[in-house]
Amino acid sequence: MQIRSLAAAATVGATILLAQGAAEAAELKVLSAIALQPVLGDLGPKFERATGHTLVITFAPLGGIVKLVQAGDSGDVVVIPQSGIERLAKDGKVVSGTETVLASAGSGVAVRKGAPRPDISTPEALKRTLLAAKSISYSDPAGGGASGIHFAKVLDRLGIASEMKSRTIFPKSGFPGDPVANGEAEIGVGTLQGLIAIAGIEIVGPLPGDLQDTLVFVAAIMASAKQTEAGKAFIDFMRTPESAKAIRAKGMEPATP
């Protein structure tokens, strides 16, 4: 789990939120899926600059965020895959009606920069590539990360889960691209935005066909929120045209502004 305070350090073209920012500045606590760290690392400072609010963001896998909230951890906004939001809504942990789609993303395959690009064009081709690899990296499903849980199911579906166990290196950072970049793993599989953020690797392409799983990331105001208005401003900011451009540049598909 990582907790970061994002200092205001960038400008933003959108002025839609300046009136909201004119109000008393707030410290806004956000619980976010770690898959969104590259996006919020870019947009967080821009939001702070535009509004005067300060973000304190806790990054963790989906399962970790859900556990934190259910254990009573307080915050103002939660941003996680839709399945997690639905679970929290049933438990009364988010404010009904505030659920807002921000972006979606699929999973992809990456190799170290300059390495041969393997064939992943079909499920059978991906299976052959994985069996030929000396090592692979993906998020540990035990940590609750949605992409890792999905890829574990992919290995089961391909019938090679047992063969890949001894070749799997779970990233300590939570980003499957890191072991690929430093030479520990030959192939990495993870969310496209998480792979794009890692220097020293190249994305081969998305998981093929129906092996792909598109994650929809949703934000909601938490029932424990103390900064509701600032939270709404943050969610609105994440759906501006300027934010949409940044989200797309990170490998995700933004919601319609």
C-alpha atoms as a PDB file:
ATOM      1  CA  MET A   1       0.000   0.000   0.000  1.00  0.00           C
ATOM      2  CA  GLN A   2       1.266   3.472  -0.796  1.00  0.00           C
ATOM      3  CA  ILE A   3       0.130   6.827   0.574  1.00  0.00           C
ATOM      4  CA  ARG A   4       1.138   9.936  -1.282  1.00  0.00           C
ATOM      5  CA  SER A   5       0.373  13.610  -0.865  1.00  0.00           C
ATOM      6  CA  LEU A   6       0.424  15.184  -4.312  1.00  0.00           C
ATOM      7  CA  ALA A   7       1.890  18.678  -4.232  1.00  0.00           C
ATOM      8  CA  ALA A   8       0.516  21.286  -6.606  1.00  0.00           C
ATOM      9  CA  ALA A   9       3.100  21.477  -9.358  1.00  0.00           C
ATOM     10  CA  ALA A  10       1.356  21.729 -12.698  1.00  0.00           C
ATOM     11  CA  THR A  11      -1.042  23.963 -14.582  1.00  0.00           C
ATOM     12  CA  VAL A  12      -4.292  22.945 -16.177  1.00  0.00           C
ATOM     13  CA  GLY A  13      -6.222  24.466 -19.049  1.00  0.00           C
ATOM     14  CA  ALA A  14      -9.683  23.790 -17.608  1.00  0.00           C
ATOM     15  CA  THR A  15     -11.174  26.639 -15.611  1.00  0.00           C
ATOM     16  CA  ILE A  16     -14.509  24.971 -14.940  1.00  0.00           C
ATOM     17  CA  LEU A  17     -13.546  24.240 -11.335  1.00  0.00           C
ATOM     18  CA  LEU A  18     -12.006  27.574 -10.364  1.00  0.00           C
ATOM     19  CA  ALA A  19     -15.191  28.794  -8.708  1.00  0.00           C
ATOM     20  CA  GLN A  20     -15.247  25.664  -6.589  1.00  0.00           C
ATOM     21  CA  GLY A  21     -11.570  26.125  -5.815  1.00  0.00           C
ATOM     22  CA  ALA A  22     -12.283  29.611  -4.554  1.00  0.00           C
ATOM     23  CA  ALA A  23     -13.995  28.097  -1.554  1.00  0.00           C
ATOM     24  CA  GLU A  24     -12.020  27.136   1.522  1.00  0.00           C
ATOM     25  CA  ALA A  25      -9.255  24.712   0.594  1.00  0.00           C
ATOM     26  CA  ALA A  26      -9.690  21.193   1.894  1.00  0.00           C
ATOM     27  CA  GLU A  27      -7.548  18.118   2.452  1.00  0.00           C
ATOM     28  CA  LEU A  28      -9.250  15.478   0.356  1.00  0.00           C
ATOM     29  CA  LYS A  29      -8.661  11.837   1.231  1.00  0.00           C
ATOM     30  CA  VAL A  30      -8.912   9.483  -1.741  1.00  0.00           C
ATOM     31  CA  LEU A  31      -8.738   5.690  -1.653  1.00  0.00           C
ATOM     32  CA  SER A  32      -7.667   4.497  -5.088  1.00  0.00           C
ATOM     33  CA  ALA A  33      -6.918   1.264  -6.896  1.00  0.00           C
ATOM     34  CA  ILE A  34      -3.173   1.066  -7.517  1.00  0.00           C
ATOM     35  CA  ALA A  35      -3.885   0.658 -11.240  1.00  0.00           C
ATOM     36  CA  LEU A  36      -4.817   4.346 -11.335  1.00  0.00           C
ATOM     37  CA  GLN A  37      -1.562   5.552  -9.789  1.00  0.00           C
ATOM     38  CA  PRO A  38      -0.064   6.629 -13.155  1.00  0.00           C
ATOM     39  CA  VAL A  39      -3.207   8.602 -14.011  1.00  0.00           C
ATOM     40  CA  LEU A  40      -3.565  10.297 -10.633  1.00  0.00           C
ATOM     41  CA  GLY A  41       0.164  10.967 -10.522  1.00  0.00           C
ATOM     42  CA  ASP A  42      -0.440  13.213 -13.519  1.00  0.00           C
ATOM     43  CA  LEU A  43      -3.887  14.632 -12.794  1.00  0.00           C
ATOM     44  CA  GLY A  44      -3.599  14.941  -9.018  1.00  0.00           C
ATOM     45  CA  PRO A  45      -1.282  17.961  -9.029  1.00  0.00           C
ATOM     46  CA  LYS A  46      -3.386  19.588 -11.747  1.00  0.00           C
ATOM     47  CA  PHE A  47      -6.516  19.228  -9.643  1.00  0.00           C
ATOM     48  CA  GLU A  48      -4.715  20.748  -6.663  1.00  0.00           C
ATOM     49  CA  ARG A  49      -3.532  23.657  -8.785  1.00  0.00           C
ATOM     50  CA  ALA A  50      -6.994  24.293 -10.196  1.00  0.00           C
ATOM     51  CA  THR A  51      -8.893  24.109  -6.910  1.00  0.00           C
ATOM     52  CA  GLY A  52      -6.504  24.806  -4.044  1.00  0.00           C
ATOM     53  CA  HIS A  53      -7.453  21.512  -2.413  1.00  0.00           C
ATOM     54  CA  THR A  54      -4.786  19.051  -1.264  1.00  0.00           C
ATOM     55  CA  LEU A  55      -5.004  15.375  -2.181  1.00  0.00           C
ATOM     56  CA  VAL A  56      -3.908  12.602   0.144  1.00  0.00           C
ATOM     57  CA  ILE A  57      -4.211   9.391  -1.842  1.00  0.00           C
ATOM     58  CA  THR A  58      -3.972   5.843  -0.555  1.00  0.00           C
ATOM     59  CA  PHE A  59      -3.113   3.401  -3.341  1.00  0.00           C
ATOM     60  CA  ALA A  60      -3.782  -0.316  -2.901  1.00  0.00           C
ATOM     61  CA  PRO A  61      -5.123  -3.257  -4.925  1.00  0.00           C
ATOM     62  CA  LEU A  62      -8.899  -3.514  -5.242  1.00  0.00           C
ATOM     63  CA  GLY A  63      -9.145  -6.142  -2.502  1.00  0.00           C
ATOM     64  CA  GLY A  64      -7.018  -4.038  -0.188  1.00  0.00           C
ATOM     65  CA  ILE A  65      -9.178  -0.940  -0.664  1.00  0.00           C
ATOM     66  CA  VAL A  66     -12.388  -2.891  -0.030  1.00  0.00           C
ATOM     67  CA  LYS A  67     -10.906  -4.376   3.154  1.00  0.00           C
ATOM     68  CA  LEU A  68      -9.797  -0.942   4.380  1.00  0.00           C
ATOM     69  CA  VAL A  69     -13.265   0.519   3.899  1.00  0.00           C
ATOM     70  CA  GLN A  70     -15.066  -2.444   5.429  1.00  0.00           C
ATOM     71  CA  ALA A  71     -12.692  -2.271   8.409  1.00  0.00           C
ATOM     72  CA  GLY A  72     -13.772   1.305   9.019  1.00  0.00           C
ATOM     73  CA  ASP A  73     -11.019   3.280   7.285  1.00  0.00           C
ATOM     74  CA  SER A  74     -12.413   6.727   6.558  1.00  0.00           C
ATOM     75  CA  GLY A  75     -12.004   8.783   3.411  1.00  0.00           C
ATOM     76  CA  ASP A  76     -13.827  11.164   1.120  1.00  0.00           C
ATOM     77  CA  VAL A  77     -13.661   9.526  -2.305  1.00  0.00           C
ATOM     78  CA  VAL A  78     -13.032   5.963  -3.410  1.00  0.00           C
ATOM     79  CA  VAL A  79     -11.943   5.087  -6.966  1.00  0.00           C
ATOM     80  CA  ILE A  80     -11.884   1.381  -7.787  1.00  0.00           C
ATOM     81  CA  PRO A  81     -13.220  -1.075 -10.383  1.00  0.00           C
ATOM     82  CA  GLN A  82     -16.999  -1.221 -10.661  1.00  0.00           C
ATOM     83  CA  SER A  83     -17.311  -4.597  -8.945  1.00  0.00           C
ATOM     84  CA  GLY A  84     -15.752  -3.123  -5.806  1.00  0.00           C
ATOM     85  CA  ILE A  85     -17.987  -0.059  -5.865  1.00  0.00           C
ATOM     86  CA  GLU A  86     -21.055  -2.286  -6.145  1.00  0.00           C
ATOM     87  CA  ARG A  87     -19.882  -4.292  -3.146  1.00  0.00           C
ATOM     88  CA  LEU A  88     -19.310  -1.162  -1.065  1.00  0.00           C
ATOM     89  CA  ALA A  89     -22.682   0.255  -2.127  1.00  0.00           C
ATOM     90  CA  LYS A  90     -24.457  -2.859  -0.841  1.00  0.00           C
ATOM     91  CA  ASP A  91     -22.682  -2.375   2.491  1.00  0.00           C
ATOM     92  CA  GLY A  92     -23.700   1.290   2.661  1.00  0.00           C
ATOM     93  CA  LYS A  93     -20.082   2.472   2.476  1.00  0.00           C
ATOM     94  CA  VAL A  94     -20.626   4.922  -0.404  1.00  0.00           C
ATOM     95  CA  VAL A  95     -23.281   7.585  -0.928  1.00  0.00           C
ATOM     96  CA  SER A  96     -25.970   6.255  -3.247  1.00  0.00           C
ATOM     97  CA  GLY A  97     -26.216   8.170  -6.509  1.00  0.00           C
ATOM     98  CA  THR A  98     -22.643   9.505  -6.469  1.00  0.00           C
ATOM     99  CA  GLU A  99     -21.177   6.571  -8.402  1.00  0.00           C
ATOM    100  CA  THR A 100     -19.476   7.991 -11.518  1.00  0.00           C
ATOM    101  CA  VAL A 101     -17.607   6.142 -14.262  1.00  0.00           C
ATOM    102  CA  LEU A 102     -14.195   7.721 -14.866  1.00  0.00           C
ATOM    103  CA  ALA A 103     -12.384   5.393 -17.253  1.00  0.00           C
ATOM    104  CA  SER A 104     -11.919   1.850 -18.487  1.00  0.00           C
ATOM    105  CA  ALA A 105      -8.880  -0.217 -19.353  1.00  0.00           C
ATOM    106  CA  GLY A 106      -7.902  -3.647 -20.576  1.00  0.00           C
ATOM    107  CA  SER A 107      -4.913  -5.850 -19.827  1.00  0.00           C
ATOM    108  CA  GLY A 108      -1.861  -6.226 -22.023  1.00  0.00           C
ATOM    109  CA  VAL A 109       1.401  -8.113 -22.434  1.00  0.00           C
ATOM    110  CA  ALA A 110       4.831  -6.498 -22.268  1.00  0.00           C
ATOM    111  CA  VAL A 111       8.478  -7.483 -22.752  1.00  0.00           C
ATOM    112  CA  ARG A 112      11.757  -5.771 -21.973  1.00  0.00           C
ATOM    113  CA  LYS A 113      12.657  -2.991 -24.398  1.00  0.00           C
ATOM    114  CA  GLY A 114      14.519  -4.398 -27.383  1.00  0.00           C
ATOM    115  CA  ALA A 115      13.488  -8.001 -26.715  1.00  0.00           C
ATOM    116  CA  PRO A 116      11.758 -10.025 -29.463  1.00  0.00           C
ATOM    117  CA  ARG A 117       8.015  -9.427 -29.582  1.00  0.00           C
ATOM    118  CA  PRO A 118       6.237 -12.763 -29.081  1.00  0.00           C
ATOM    119  CA  ASP A 119       3.053 -13.833 -30.833  1.00  0.00           C
ATOM    120  CA  ILE A 120      -0.020 -13.195 -28.673  1.00  0.00           C
ATOM    121  CA  SER A 121      -2.481 -12.742 -31.539  1.00  0.00           C
ATOM    122  CA  THR A 122      -4.771 -15.595 -30.464  1.00  0.00           C
ATOM    123  CA  PRO A 123      -5.405 -17.504 -27.233  1.00  0.00           C
ATOM    124  CA  GLU A 124      -3.420 -20.463 -28.597  1.00  0.00           C
ATOM    125  CA  ALA A 125      -0.540 -18.191 -29.603  1.00  0.00           C
ATOM    126  CA  LEU A 126      -0.534 -16.617 -26.136  1.00  0.00           C
ATOM    127  CA  LYS A 127      -0.486 -20.086 -24.577  1.00  0.00           C
ATOM    128  CA  ARG A 128       2.551 -21.101 -26.644  1.00  0.00           C
ATOM    129  CA  THR A 129       4.313 -17.839 -25.779  1.00  0.00           C
ATOM    130  CA  LEU A 130       3.724 -18.272 -22.055  1.00  0.00           C
ATOM    131  CA  LEU A 131       4.885 -21.895 -22.091  1.00  0.00           C
ATOM    132  CA  ALA A 132       8.043 -20.856 -23.919  1.00  0.00           C
ATOM    133  CA  ALA A 133       8.830 -18.076 -21.433  1.00  0.00           C
ATOM    134  CA  LYS A 134      11.347 -18.696 -18.677  1.00  0.00           C
ATOM    135  CA  SER A 135       9.493 -16.339 -16.340  1.00  0.00           C
ATOM    136  CA  ILE A 136       6.362 -14.195 -16.196  1.00  0.00           C
ATOM    137  CA  SER A 137       5.069 -11.444 -13.946  1.00  0.00           C
ATOM    138  CA  TYR A 138       1.540 -10.417 -13.020  1.00  0.00           C
ATOM    139  CA  SER A 139      -0.097  -8.990  -9.910  1.00  0.00           C
ATOM    140  CA  ASP A 140      -0.470 -11.453  -7.065  1.00  0.00           C
ATOM    141  CA  PRO A 141      -4.154 -12.488  -6.941  1.00  0.00           C
ATOM    142  CA  ALA A 142      -3.814 -12.912  -3.178  1.00  0.00           C
ATOM    143  CA  GLY A 143      -3.365  -9.149  -2.933  1.00  0.00           C
ATOM    144  CA  GLY A 144      -6.797  -8.555  -4.416  1.00  0.00           C
ATOM    145  CA  GLY A 145      -5.680  -6.794  -7.607  1.00  0.00           C
ATOM    146  CA  ALA A 146      -8.346  -7.164 -10.279  1.00  0.00           C
ATOM    147  CA  SER A 147      -5.915  -7.675 -13.188  1.00  0.00           C
ATOM    148  CA  GLY A 148      -3.995 -10.368 -11.297  1.00  0.00           C
ATOM    149  CA  ILE A 149      -7.169 -12.202 -10.359  1.00  0.00           C
ATOM    150  CA  HIS A 150      -8.285 -12.124 -13.982  1.00  0.00           C
ATOM    151  CA  PHE A 151      -4.984 -13.341 -15.395  1.00  0.00           C
ATOM    152  CA  ALA A 152      -4.912 -16.231 -12.937  1.00  0.00           C
ATOM    153  CA  LYS A 153      -8.263 -17.243 -14.445  1.00  0.00           C
ATOM    154  CA  VAL A 154      -6.738 -16.891 -17.925  1.00  0.00           C
ATOM    155  CA  LEU A 155      -3.964 -19.331 -16.998  1.00  0.00           C
ATOM    156  CA  ASP A 156      -6.566 -21.757 -15.685  1.00  0.00           C
ATOM    157  CA  ARG A 157      -8.594 -21.408 -18.851  1.00  0.00           C
ATOM    158  CA  LEU A 158      -5.533 -22.044 -21.006  1.00  0.00           C
ATOM    159  CA  GLY A 159      -4.801 -25.111 -18.907  1.00  0.00           C
ATOM    160  CA  ILE A 160      -1.294 -24.028 -17.929  1.00  0.00           C
ATOM    161  CA  ALA A 161      -1.745 -22.703 -14.381  1.00  0.00           C
ATOM    162  CA  SER A 162       0.349 -25.498 -12.850  1.00  0.00           C
ATOM    163  CA  GLU A 163       3.151 -25.157 -15.403  1.00  0.00           C
ATOM    164  CA  MET A 164       3.445 -21.399 -14.819  1.00  0.00           C
ATOM    165  CA  LYS A 165       3.581 -21.455 -11.002  1.00  0.00           C
ATOM    166  CA  SER A 166       7.321 -22.049 -10.778  1.00  0.00           C
ATOM    167  CA  ARG A 167       7.981 -19.382 -13.420  1.00  0.00           C
ATOM    168  CA  THR A 168       5.849 -16.650 -11.868  1.00  0.00           C
ATOM    169  CA  ILE A 169       7.391 -13.629 -10.176  1.00  0.00           C
ATOM    170  CA  PHE A 170       4.885 -11.458  -8.340  1.00  0.00           C
ATOM    171  CA  PRO A 171       5.987  -7.787  -8.363  1.00  0.00           C
ATOM    172  CA  LYS A 172       6.716  -6.264  -4.983  1.00  0.00           C
ATOM    173  CA  SER A 173       5.699  -2.851  -6.321  1.00  0.00           C
ATOM    174  CA  GLY A 174       2.330  -4.048  -7.542  1.00  0.00           C
ATOM    175  CA  PHE A 175       3.287  -3.220 -11.134  1.00  0.00           C
ATOM    176  CA  PRO A 176       4.017  -6.306 -13.299  1.00  0.00           C
ATOM    177  CA  GLY A 177       6.188  -4.236 -15.620  1.00  0.00           C
ATOM    178  CA  ASP A 178       8.856  -3.647 -12.974  1.00  0.00           C
ATOM    179  CA  PRO A 179      10.263  -7.219 -12.920  1.00  0.00           C
ATOM    180  CA  VAL A 180      10.325  -7.125 -16.742  1.00  0.00           C
ATOM    181  CA  ALA A 181      12.197  -3.817 -16.819  1.00  0.00           C
ATOM    182  CA  ASN A 182      14.877  -5.008 -14.382  1.00  0.00           C
ATOM    183  CA  GLY A 183      15.336  -8.374 -16.088  1.00  0.00           C
ATOM    184  CA  GLU A 184      13.729 -10.583 -13.435  1.00  0.00           C
ATOM    185  CA  ALA A 185      10.836 -11.620 -15.687  1.00  0.00           C
ATOM    186  CA  GLU A 186      10.665 -12.214 -19.421  1.00  0.00           C
ATOM    187  CA  ILE A 187       6.981 -11.330 -19.850  1.00  0.00           C
ATOM    188  CA  GLY A 188       4.666  -9.080 -17.877  1.00  0.00           C
ATOM    189  CA  VAL A 189       0.871  -9.010 -17.928  1.00  0.00           C
ATOM    190  CA  GLY A 190      -1.139  -6.211 -16.386  1.00  0.00           C
ATOM    191  CA  THR A 191      -3.379  -3.229 -17.006  1.00  0.00           C
ATOM    192  CA  LEU A 192      -2.282  -1.226 -20.033  1.00  0.00           C
ATOM    193  CA  GLN A 193      -1.938   2.017 -18.062  1.00  0.00           C
ATOM    194  CA  GLY A 194       0.234   0.245 -15.497  1.00  0.00           C
ATOM    195  CA  LEU A 195       2.510  -1.134 -18.219  1.00  0.00           C
ATOM    196  CA  ILE A 196       2.769   2.154 -20.124  1.00  0.00           C
ATOM    197  CA  ALA A 197       4.017   3.871 -16.965  1.00  0.00           C
ATOM    198  CA  ILE A 198       7.100   1.631 -16.677  1.00  0.00           C
ATOM    199  CA  ALA A 199      10.280   2.703 -18.458  1.00  0.00           C
ATOM    200  CA  GLY A 200      12.379   0.031 -20.117  1.00  0.00           C
ATOM    201  CA  ILE A 201       9.565  -2.179 -21.398  1.00  0.00           C
ATOM    202  CA  GLU A 202       7.497  -2.392 -24.575  1.00  0.00           C
ATOM    203  CA  ILE A 203       3.844  -3.361 -24.850  1.00  0.00           C
ATOM    204  CA  VAL A 204       3.335  -6.234 -27.264  1.00  0.00           C
ATOM    205  CA  GLY A 205      -0.438  -5.810 -27.313  1.00  0.00           C
ATOM    206  CA  PRO A 206      -3.670  -6.533 -25.444  1.00  0.00           C
ATOM    207  CA  LEU A 207      -4.772  -9.960 -24.285  1.00  0.00           C
ATOM    208  CA  PRO A 208      -6.345 -11.620 -27.340  1.00  0.00           C
ATOM    209  CA  GLY A 209     -10.013 -12.204 -28.032  1.00  0.00           C
ATOM    210  CA  ASP A 210     -12.284 -13.146 -25.174  1.00  0.00           C
ATOM    211  CA  LEU A 211      -9.341 -13.538 -22.823  1.00  0.00           C
ATOM    212  CA  GLN A 212      -9.494  -9.774 -22.458  1.00  0.00           C
ATOM    213  CA  ASP A 213     -11.211  -8.270 -19.442  1.00  0.00           C
ATOM    214  CA  THR A 214     -12.109  -4.594 -19.495  1.00  0.00           C
ATOM    215  CA  LEU A 215     -12.067  -2.974 -16.072  1.00  0.00           C
ATOM    216  CA  VAL A 216     -14.394  -0.041 -15.536  1.00  0.00           C
ATOM    217  CA  PHE A 217     -13.114   2.365 -12.876  1.00  0.00           C
ATOM    218  CA  VAL A 218     -15.772   4.172 -10.866  1.00  0.00           C
ATOM    219  CA  ALA A 219     -15.513   6.969  -8.308  1.00  0.00           C
ATOM    220  CA  ALA A 220     -17.963   7.555  -5.464  1.00  0.00           C
ATOM    221  CA  ILE A 221     -18.306   9.752  -2.413  1.00  0.00           C
ATOM    222  CA  MET A 222     -17.754   7.693   0.717  1.00  0.00           C
ATOM    223  CA  ALA A 223     -20.330   7.551   3.483  1.00  0.00           C
ATOM    224  CA  SER A 224     -17.547   8.645   5.851  1.00  0.00           C
ATOM    225  CA  ALA A 225     -16.734  11.742   3.766  1.00  0.00           C
ATOM    226  CA  LYS A 226     -15.962  14.970   5.603  1.00  0.00           C
ATOM    227  CA  GLN A 227     -15.157  16.907   2.418  1.00  0.00           C
ATOM    228  CA  THR A 228     -18.167  16.121   0.248  1.00  0.00           C
ATOM    229  CA  GLU A 229     -18.032  19.236  -1.922  1.00  0.00           C
ATOM    230  CA  ALA A 230     -14.314  18.877  -2.563  1.00  0.00           C
ATOM    231  CA  GLY A 231     -14.945  15.227  -3.371  1.00  0.00           C
ATOM    232  CA  LYS A 232     -17.581  16.169  -5.944  1.00  0.00           C
ATOM    233  CA  ALA A 233     -15.172  18.724  -7.429  1.00  0.00           C
ATOM    234  CA  PHE A 234     -12.531  15.995  -7.763  1.00  0.00           C
ATOM    235  CA  ILE A 235     -14.927  13.639  -9.536  1.00  0.00           C
ATOM    236  CA  ASP A 236     -16.082  16.436 -11.858  1.00  0.00           C
ATOM    237  CA  PHE A 237     -12.461  17.319 -12.624  1.00  0.00           C
ATOM    238  CA  MET A 238     -11.695  13.735 -13.596  1.00  0.00           C
ATOM    239  CA  ARG A 239     -14.382  13.977 -16.309  1.00  0.00           C
ATOM    240  CA  THR A 240     -13.268  17.243 -17.922  1.00  0.00           C
ATOM    241  CA  PRO A 241     -11.982  17.195 -21.530  1.00  0.00           C
ATOM    242  CA  GLU A 242      -8.473  18.010 -20.301  1.00  0.00           C
ATOM    243  CA  SER A 243      -8.529  15.056 -17.911  1.00  0.00           C
ATOM    244  CA  ALA A 244      -9.878  12.830 -20.677  1.00  0.00           C
ATOM    245  CA  LYS A 245      -6.816  13.629 -22.798  1.00  0.00           C
ATOM    246  CA  ALA A 246      -4.475  12.723 -19.948  1.00  0.00           C
ATOM    247  CA  ILE A 247      -6.372   9.512 -19.188  1.00  0.00           C
ATOM    248  CA  ARG A 248      -6.186   8.446 -22.841  1.00  0.00           C
ATOM    249  CA  ALA A 249      -2.467   9.230 -22.952  1.00  0.00           C
ATOM    250  CA  LYS A 250      -1.972   6.789 -20.057  1.00  0.00           C
ATOM    251  CA  GLY A 251      -3.538   3.930 -22.017  1.00  0.00           C
ATOM    252  CA  MET A 252      -7.082   4.122 -20.671  1.00  0.00           C
ATOM    253  CA  GLU A 253     -10.379   5.031 -22.305  1.00  0.00           C
ATOM    254  CA  PRO A 254     -11.942   8.013 -20.522  1.00  0.00           C
ATOM    255  CA  ALA A 255     -15.628   8.343 -19.792  1.00  0.00           C
ATOM    256  CA  THR A 256     -17.424  10.858 -21.956  1.00  0.00           C
ATOM    257  CA  PRO A 257     -16.840  14.309 -20.391  1.00  0.00           C
END
